[in-house]
């Protein structure tokens, strides 16, 4: 989370809306450990990483949808899921992410 603080401060100063995604659990091998965080601004700018790059595109799409709806959600990408292959998660594990809008 510390790695994205400077970007969060900059986006807050600019009045941007933001979604934060956090790894909350992994099953098997995973690219990042629980606690890893990624933030997405309303204009699609990204800070941090939740997967080392393999699911970030899908996370951006989820984050932008959350900004439109205001929802929070748990999203799972796993090795056996067709969606996981589509977004590039081939590390053999399952990654659980919690995404929520950042409330200033």
N, C-alpha and C. Protein backbone atom coordinates (compact mmCIF):
# COMPACT_ATOMS: atom_id res chain seq x y z
N UNK A 1 0.83 -1.19 0.00
CA UNK A 1 0.00 0.00 0.00
C UNK A 1 0.87 1.25 0.00
N UNK A 2 2.02 1.18 0.68
CA UNK A 2 2.89 2.36 0.76
C UNK A 2 3.33 2.84 -0.60
N UNK A 3 3.50 1.90 -1.54
CA UNK A 3 4.00 2.27 -2.86
C UNK A 3 3.03 3.12 -3.67
N UNK A 4 1.76 3.16 -3.28
CA UNK A 4 0.79 3.94 -4.05
C UNK A 4 0.37 5.23 -3.34
N UNK A 5 0.89 5.50 -2.16
CA UNK A 5 0.46 6.67 -1.40
C UNK A 5 0.70 7.99 -2.12
N UNK A 6 1.84 8.14 -2.76
CA UNK A 6 2.13 9.40 -3.47
C UNK A 6 1.11 9.64 -4.57
N UNK A 7 0.77 8.58 -5.31
CA UNK A 7 -0.24 8.72 -6.37
C UNK A 7 -1.61 9.04 -5.78
N UNK A 8 -1.97 8.39 -4.68
CA UNK A 8 -3.25 8.68 -4.04
C UNK A 8 -3.33 10.14 -3.60
N UNK A 9 -2.26 10.65 -3.02
CA UNK A 9 -2.24 12.05 -2.61
C UNK A 9 -2.41 12.99 -3.80
N UNK A 10 -1.71 12.68 -4.88
CA UNK A 10 -1.80 13.52 -6.08
C UNK A 10 -3.20 13.48 -6.67
N UNK A 11 -3.79 12.29 -6.74
CA UNK A 11 -5.14 12.17 -7.29
C UNK A 11 -6.17 12.85 -6.39
N UNK A 12 -5.98 12.74 -5.09
CA UNK A 12 -6.91 13.40 -4.15
C UNK A 12 -6.84 14.90 -4.33
N UNK A 13 -5.62 15.45 -4.46
CA UNK A 13 -5.45 16.89 -4.64
C UNK A 13 -6.12 17.36 -5.93
N UNK A 14 -6.18 16.48 -6.93
CA UNK A 14 -6.81 16.82 -8.20
C UNK A 14 -8.32 16.55 -8.19
N UNK A 15 -8.83 16.02 -7.08
CA UNK A 15 -10.26 15.77 -6.96
C UNK A 15 -10.76 14.55 -7.71
N UNK A 16 -9.86 13.63 -8.02
CA UNK A 16 -10.26 12.43 -8.76
C UNK A 16 -10.92 11.39 -7.85
N UNK A 17 -11.87 10.67 -8.42
CA UNK A 17 -12.45 9.52 -7.74
C UNK A 17 -11.55 8.31 -8.00
N UNK A 18 -11.48 7.41 -7.01
CA UNK A 18 -10.51 6.32 -7.06
C UNK A 18 -11.12 5.03 -6.51
N UNK A 19 -10.69 3.92 -7.08
CA UNK A 19 -11.00 2.60 -6.53
C UNK A 19 -9.69 1.96 -6.12
N UNK A 20 -9.70 1.32 -4.94
CA UNK A 20 -8.54 0.58 -4.46
C UNK A 20 -8.86 -0.90 -4.51
N UNK A 21 -7.96 -1.68 -5.10
CA UNK A 21 -8.07 -3.14 -5.14
C UNK A 21 -6.98 -3.70 -4.24
N UNK A 22 -7.35 -4.66 -3.40
CA UNK A 22 -6.38 -5.29 -2.49
C UNK A 22 -6.46 -6.80 -2.63
N UNK A 23 -5.29 -7.44 -2.61
CA UNK A 23 -5.26 -8.90 -2.54
C UNK A 23 -5.66 -9.26 -1.12
N UNK A 24 -6.74 -10.05 -0.98
CA UNK A 24 -7.19 -10.45 0.35
C UNK A 24 -6.90 -11.91 0.64
N UNK A 25 -6.65 -12.70 -0.41
CA UNK A 25 -6.33 -14.10 -0.20
C UNK A 25 -5.77 -14.67 -1.49
N UNK A 26 -4.95 -15.70 -1.36
CA UNK A 26 -4.50 -16.47 -2.51
C UNK A 26 -4.62 -17.94 -2.15
N UNK A 27 -4.87 -18.74 -3.16
CA UNK A 27 -4.89 -20.19 -3.00
C UNK A 27 -3.86 -20.74 -3.97
N UNK A 28 -2.98 -21.58 -3.50
CA UNK A 28 -1.90 -22.07 -4.35
C UNK A 28 -0.87 -20.98 -4.51
N UNK A 29 -0.19 -21.01 -5.65
CA UNK A 29 0.80 -19.96 -5.89
C UNK A 29 0.11 -18.72 -6.43
N UNK A 30 0.63 -17.58 -6.06
CA UNK A 30 0.06 -16.32 -6.51
C UNK A 30 1.15 -15.33 -6.79
N UNK A 31 0.89 -14.41 -7.70
CA UNK A 31 1.92 -13.44 -8.07
C UNK A 31 2.22 -12.41 -6.99
N UNK A 32 1.24 -12.05 -6.17
CA UNK A 32 1.44 -11.08 -5.09
C UNK A 32 0.76 -11.60 -3.84
N UNK A 33 1.30 -11.26 -2.69
CA UNK A 33 0.76 -11.73 -1.42
C UNK A 33 -0.41 -10.87 -0.95
N UNK A 34 -1.24 -11.40 -0.03
CA UNK A 34 -2.30 -10.58 0.55
C UNK A 34 -1.73 -9.27 1.10
N UNK A 35 -2.47 -8.20 0.86
CA UNK A 35 -2.02 -6.87 1.26
C UNK A 35 -1.55 -6.05 0.08
N UNK A 36 -1.15 -6.72 -1.01
CA UNK A 36 -0.73 -5.98 -2.20
C UNK A 36 -1.91 -5.14 -2.68
N UNK A 37 -1.62 -3.94 -3.14
CA UNK A 37 -2.70 -3.02 -3.50
C UNK A 37 -2.44 -2.35 -4.85
N UNK A 38 -3.54 -1.97 -5.47
CA UNK A 38 -3.51 -1.25 -6.74
C UNK A 38 -4.64 -0.24 -6.68
N UNK A 39 -4.38 0.95 -7.19
CA UNK A 39 -5.42 1.98 -7.24
C UNK A 39 -5.66 2.35 -8.70
N UNK A 40 -6.92 2.67 -9.00
CA UNK A 40 -7.31 3.08 -10.34
C UNK A 40 -8.08 4.38 -10.22
N UNK A 41 -7.63 5.40 -10.94
CA UNK A 41 -8.34 6.68 -10.92
C UNK A 41 -9.47 6.65 -11.96
N UNK A 42 -10.36 7.61 -11.84
CA UNK A 42 -11.52 7.65 -12.74
C UNK A 42 -11.15 7.80 -14.20
N UNK A 43 -9.94 8.29 -14.49
CA UNK A 43 -9.51 8.40 -15.89
C UNK A 43 -8.65 7.21 -16.32
N UNK A 44 -8.62 6.14 -15.50
CA UNK A 44 -7.94 4.92 -15.87
C UNK A 44 -6.47 4.85 -15.53
N UNK A 45 -5.96 5.85 -14.83
CA UNK A 45 -4.56 5.82 -14.41
C UNK A 45 -4.41 4.78 -13.30
N UNK A 46 -3.30 4.03 -13.31
CA UNK A 46 -3.09 2.93 -12.38
C UNK A 46 -1.83 3.17 -11.55
N UNK A 47 -1.91 2.82 -10.27
CA UNK A 47 -0.75 2.83 -9.38
C UNK A 47 -0.73 1.51 -8.63
N UNK A 48 0.44 0.91 -8.50
CA UNK A 48 0.58 -0.34 -7.78
C UNK A 48 0.25 -1.54 -8.64
N UNK A 49 0.22 -2.71 -8.00
CA UNK A 49 -0.02 -3.97 -8.71
C UNK A 49 -0.60 -4.99 -7.75
N UNK A 50 -1.53 -5.78 -8.27
CA UNK A 50 -2.09 -6.87 -7.48
C UNK A 50 -1.71 -8.23 -8.05
N UNK A 51 -1.04 -8.23 -9.21
CA UNK A 51 -0.72 -9.52 -9.83
C UNK A 51 0.57 -9.51 -10.63
N UNK A 52 1.35 -8.47 -10.51
CA UNK A 52 2.56 -8.43 -11.32
C UNK A 52 2.28 -8.22 -12.79
N UNK A 53 1.05 -7.83 -13.12
CA UNK A 53 0.70 -7.50 -14.50
C UNK A 53 -0.28 -8.44 -15.16
N UNK A 54 -0.50 -9.63 -14.62
CA UNK A 54 -1.31 -10.60 -15.37
C UNK A 54 -2.81 -10.37 -15.31
N UNK A 55 -3.35 -9.69 -14.30
CA UNK A 55 -4.80 -9.43 -14.28
C UNK A 55 -5.12 -7.94 -14.16
N UNK A 56 -4.12 -7.09 -14.24
CA UNK A 56 -4.36 -5.67 -14.04
C UNK A 56 -5.40 -5.08 -15.00
N UNK A 57 -5.39 -5.51 -16.26
CA UNK A 57 -6.37 -4.99 -17.22
C UNK A 57 -7.80 -5.29 -16.79
N UNK A 58 -8.03 -6.50 -16.31
CA UNK A 58 -9.37 -6.88 -15.84
C UNK A 58 -9.73 -6.11 -14.58
N UNK A 59 -8.75 -5.84 -13.73
CA UNK A 59 -9.00 -5.08 -12.50
C UNK A 59 -9.38 -3.64 -12.83
N UNK A 60 -8.73 -3.06 -13.83
CA UNK A 60 -9.09 -1.70 -14.26
C UNK A 60 -10.54 -1.67 -14.73
N UNK A 61 -10.95 -2.65 -15.52
CA UNK A 61 -12.34 -2.70 -15.99
C UNK A 61 -13.31 -2.82 -14.81
N UNK A 62 -13.00 -3.67 -13.84
CA UNK A 62 -13.84 -3.81 -12.65
C UNK A 62 -13.89 -2.49 -11.88
N UNK A 63 -12.75 -1.83 -11.73
CA UNK A 63 -12.68 -0.58 -10.98
C UNK A 63 -13.52 0.51 -11.63
N UNK A 64 -13.45 0.63 -12.94
CA UNK A 64 -14.24 1.64 -13.63
C UNK A 64 -15.73 1.36 -13.50
N UNK A 65 -16.10 0.08 -13.49
CA UNK A 65 -17.50 -0.27 -13.27
C UNK A 65 -17.93 0.10 -11.86
N UNK A 66 -17.05 -0.12 -10.89
CA UNK A 66 -17.35 0.24 -9.50
C UNK A 66 -17.55 1.75 -9.37
N UNK A 67 -16.75 2.53 -10.08
CA UNK A 67 -16.92 3.98 -10.04
C UNK A 67 -18.28 4.39 -10.60
N UNK A 68 -18.77 3.64 -11.57
CA UNK A 68 -20.08 3.93 -12.15
C UNK A 68 -21.22 3.52 -11.24
N UNK A 69 -21.03 2.45 -10.46
CA UNK A 69 -22.12 1.92 -9.64
C UNK A 69 -22.01 2.26 -8.16
N UNK A 70 -20.78 2.52 -7.68
CA UNK A 70 -20.57 2.79 -6.27
C UNK A 70 -20.49 1.54 -5.41
N UNK A 71 -20.55 0.37 -6.06
CA UNK A 71 -20.51 -0.90 -5.33
C UNK A 71 -19.11 -1.22 -4.82
N UNK A 72 -19.06 -2.19 -3.96
CA UNK A 72 -17.82 -2.85 -3.54
C UNK A 72 -17.97 -4.29 -3.96
N UNK A 73 -16.84 -4.94 -4.24
CA UNK A 73 -16.99 -6.35 -4.62
C UNK A 73 -15.72 -7.15 -4.42
N UNK A 74 -15.94 -8.44 -4.26
CA UNK A 74 -14.86 -9.41 -4.21
C UNK A 74 -14.77 -10.03 -5.59
N UNK A 75 -13.59 -10.05 -6.16
CA UNK A 75 -13.36 -10.60 -7.49
C UNK A 75 -12.31 -11.69 -7.37
N UNK A 76 -12.54 -12.80 -8.05
CA UNK A 76 -11.62 -13.93 -7.98
C UNK A 76 -11.14 -14.30 -9.37
N UNK A 77 -9.84 -14.50 -9.50
CA UNK A 77 -9.25 -15.00 -10.72
C UNK A 77 -8.50 -16.27 -10.36
N UNK A 78 -8.80 -17.36 -11.06
CA UNK A 78 -8.16 -18.63 -10.73
C UNK A 78 -7.66 -19.36 -11.95
N UNK A 79 -6.74 -20.25 -11.71
CA UNK A 79 -6.09 -21.00 -12.77
C UNK A 79 -7.07 -21.78 -13.62
N UNK A 80 -8.12 -22.34 -13.01
CA UNK A 80 -9.04 -23.17 -13.76
C UNK A 80 -10.13 -22.37 -14.48
N UNK A 81 -10.21 -21.09 -14.21
CA UNK A 81 -11.24 -20.26 -14.84
C UNK A 81 -10.82 -19.86 -16.25
N UNK A 82 -11.74 -19.95 -17.20
CA UNK A 82 -11.44 -19.49 -18.55
C UNK A 82 -11.07 -18.01 -18.54
N UNK A 83 -11.74 -17.24 -17.66
CA UNK A 83 -11.45 -15.81 -17.56
C UNK A 83 -10.01 -15.58 -17.10
N UNK A 84 -9.51 -16.43 -16.24
CA UNK A 84 -8.14 -16.27 -15.77
C UNK A 84 -7.16 -16.41 -16.93
N UNK A 85 -7.38 -17.41 -17.77
CA UNK A 85 -6.51 -17.56 -18.94
C UNK A 85 -6.64 -16.35 -19.86
N UNK A 86 -7.86 -15.85 -20.01
CA UNK A 86 -8.09 -14.71 -20.90
C UNK A 86 -7.34 -13.47 -20.45
N UNK A 87 -7.20 -13.28 -19.13
CA UNK A 87 -6.51 -12.10 -18.64
C UNK A 87 -5.04 -12.36 -18.35
N UNK A 88 -4.60 -13.62 -18.51
CA UNK A 88 -3.18 -13.90 -18.39
C UNK A 88 -2.73 -14.51 -17.08
N UNK A 89 -3.63 -14.94 -16.22
CA UNK A 89 -3.24 -15.53 -14.94
C UNK A 89 -2.95 -17.01 -15.15
N UNK A 90 -1.70 -17.35 -15.28
CA UNK A 90 -1.31 -18.74 -15.53
C UNK A 90 -0.36 -19.24 -14.46
N UNK A 91 -0.33 -18.61 -13.31
CA UNK A 91 0.63 -18.97 -12.26
C UNK A 91 0.19 -20.19 -11.47
N UNK A 92 -1.00 -20.69 -11.70
CA UNK A 92 -1.41 -21.92 -11.06
C UNK A 92 -2.24 -21.74 -9.80
N UNK A 93 -2.49 -20.55 -9.37
CA UNK A 93 -3.25 -20.32 -8.15
C UNK A 93 -4.50 -19.53 -8.40
N UNK A 94 -5.14 -19.16 -7.31
CA UNK A 94 -6.34 -18.33 -7.35
C UNK A 94 -6.07 -17.08 -6.52
N UNK A 95 -6.45 -15.94 -7.06
CA UNK A 95 -6.23 -14.66 -6.40
C UNK A 95 -7.60 -14.05 -6.10
N UNK A 96 -7.82 -13.66 -4.83
CA UNK A 96 -9.06 -13.01 -4.42
C UNK A 96 -8.75 -11.54 -4.14
N UNK A 97 -9.48 -10.66 -4.79
CA UNK A 97 -9.27 -9.21 -4.64
C UNK A 97 -10.54 -8.57 -4.11
N UNK A 98 -10.38 -7.60 -3.23
CA UNK A 98 -11.51 -6.80 -2.77
C UNK A 98 -11.33 -5.41 -3.35
N UNK A 99 -12.33 -4.93 -4.07
CA UNK A 99 -12.29 -3.60 -4.69
C UNK A 99 -13.35 -2.72 -4.06
N UNK A 100 -12.95 -1.49 -3.73
CA UNK A 100 -13.89 -0.55 -3.16
C UNK A 100 -13.49 0.88 -3.53
N UNK A 101 -14.49 1.76 -3.66
CA UNK A 101 -14.17 3.17 -3.90
C UNK A 101 -13.47 3.74 -2.68
N UNK A 102 -12.50 4.60 -2.92
CA UNK A 102 -11.81 5.26 -1.82
C UNK A 102 -12.65 6.46 -1.39
N UNK A 103 -13.01 6.49 -0.13
CA UNK A 103 -13.83 7.57 0.41
C UNK A 103 -12.92 8.55 1.13
N UNK A 104 -12.78 9.74 0.58
CA UNK A 104 -11.90 10.74 1.17
C UNK A 104 -12.49 11.22 2.48
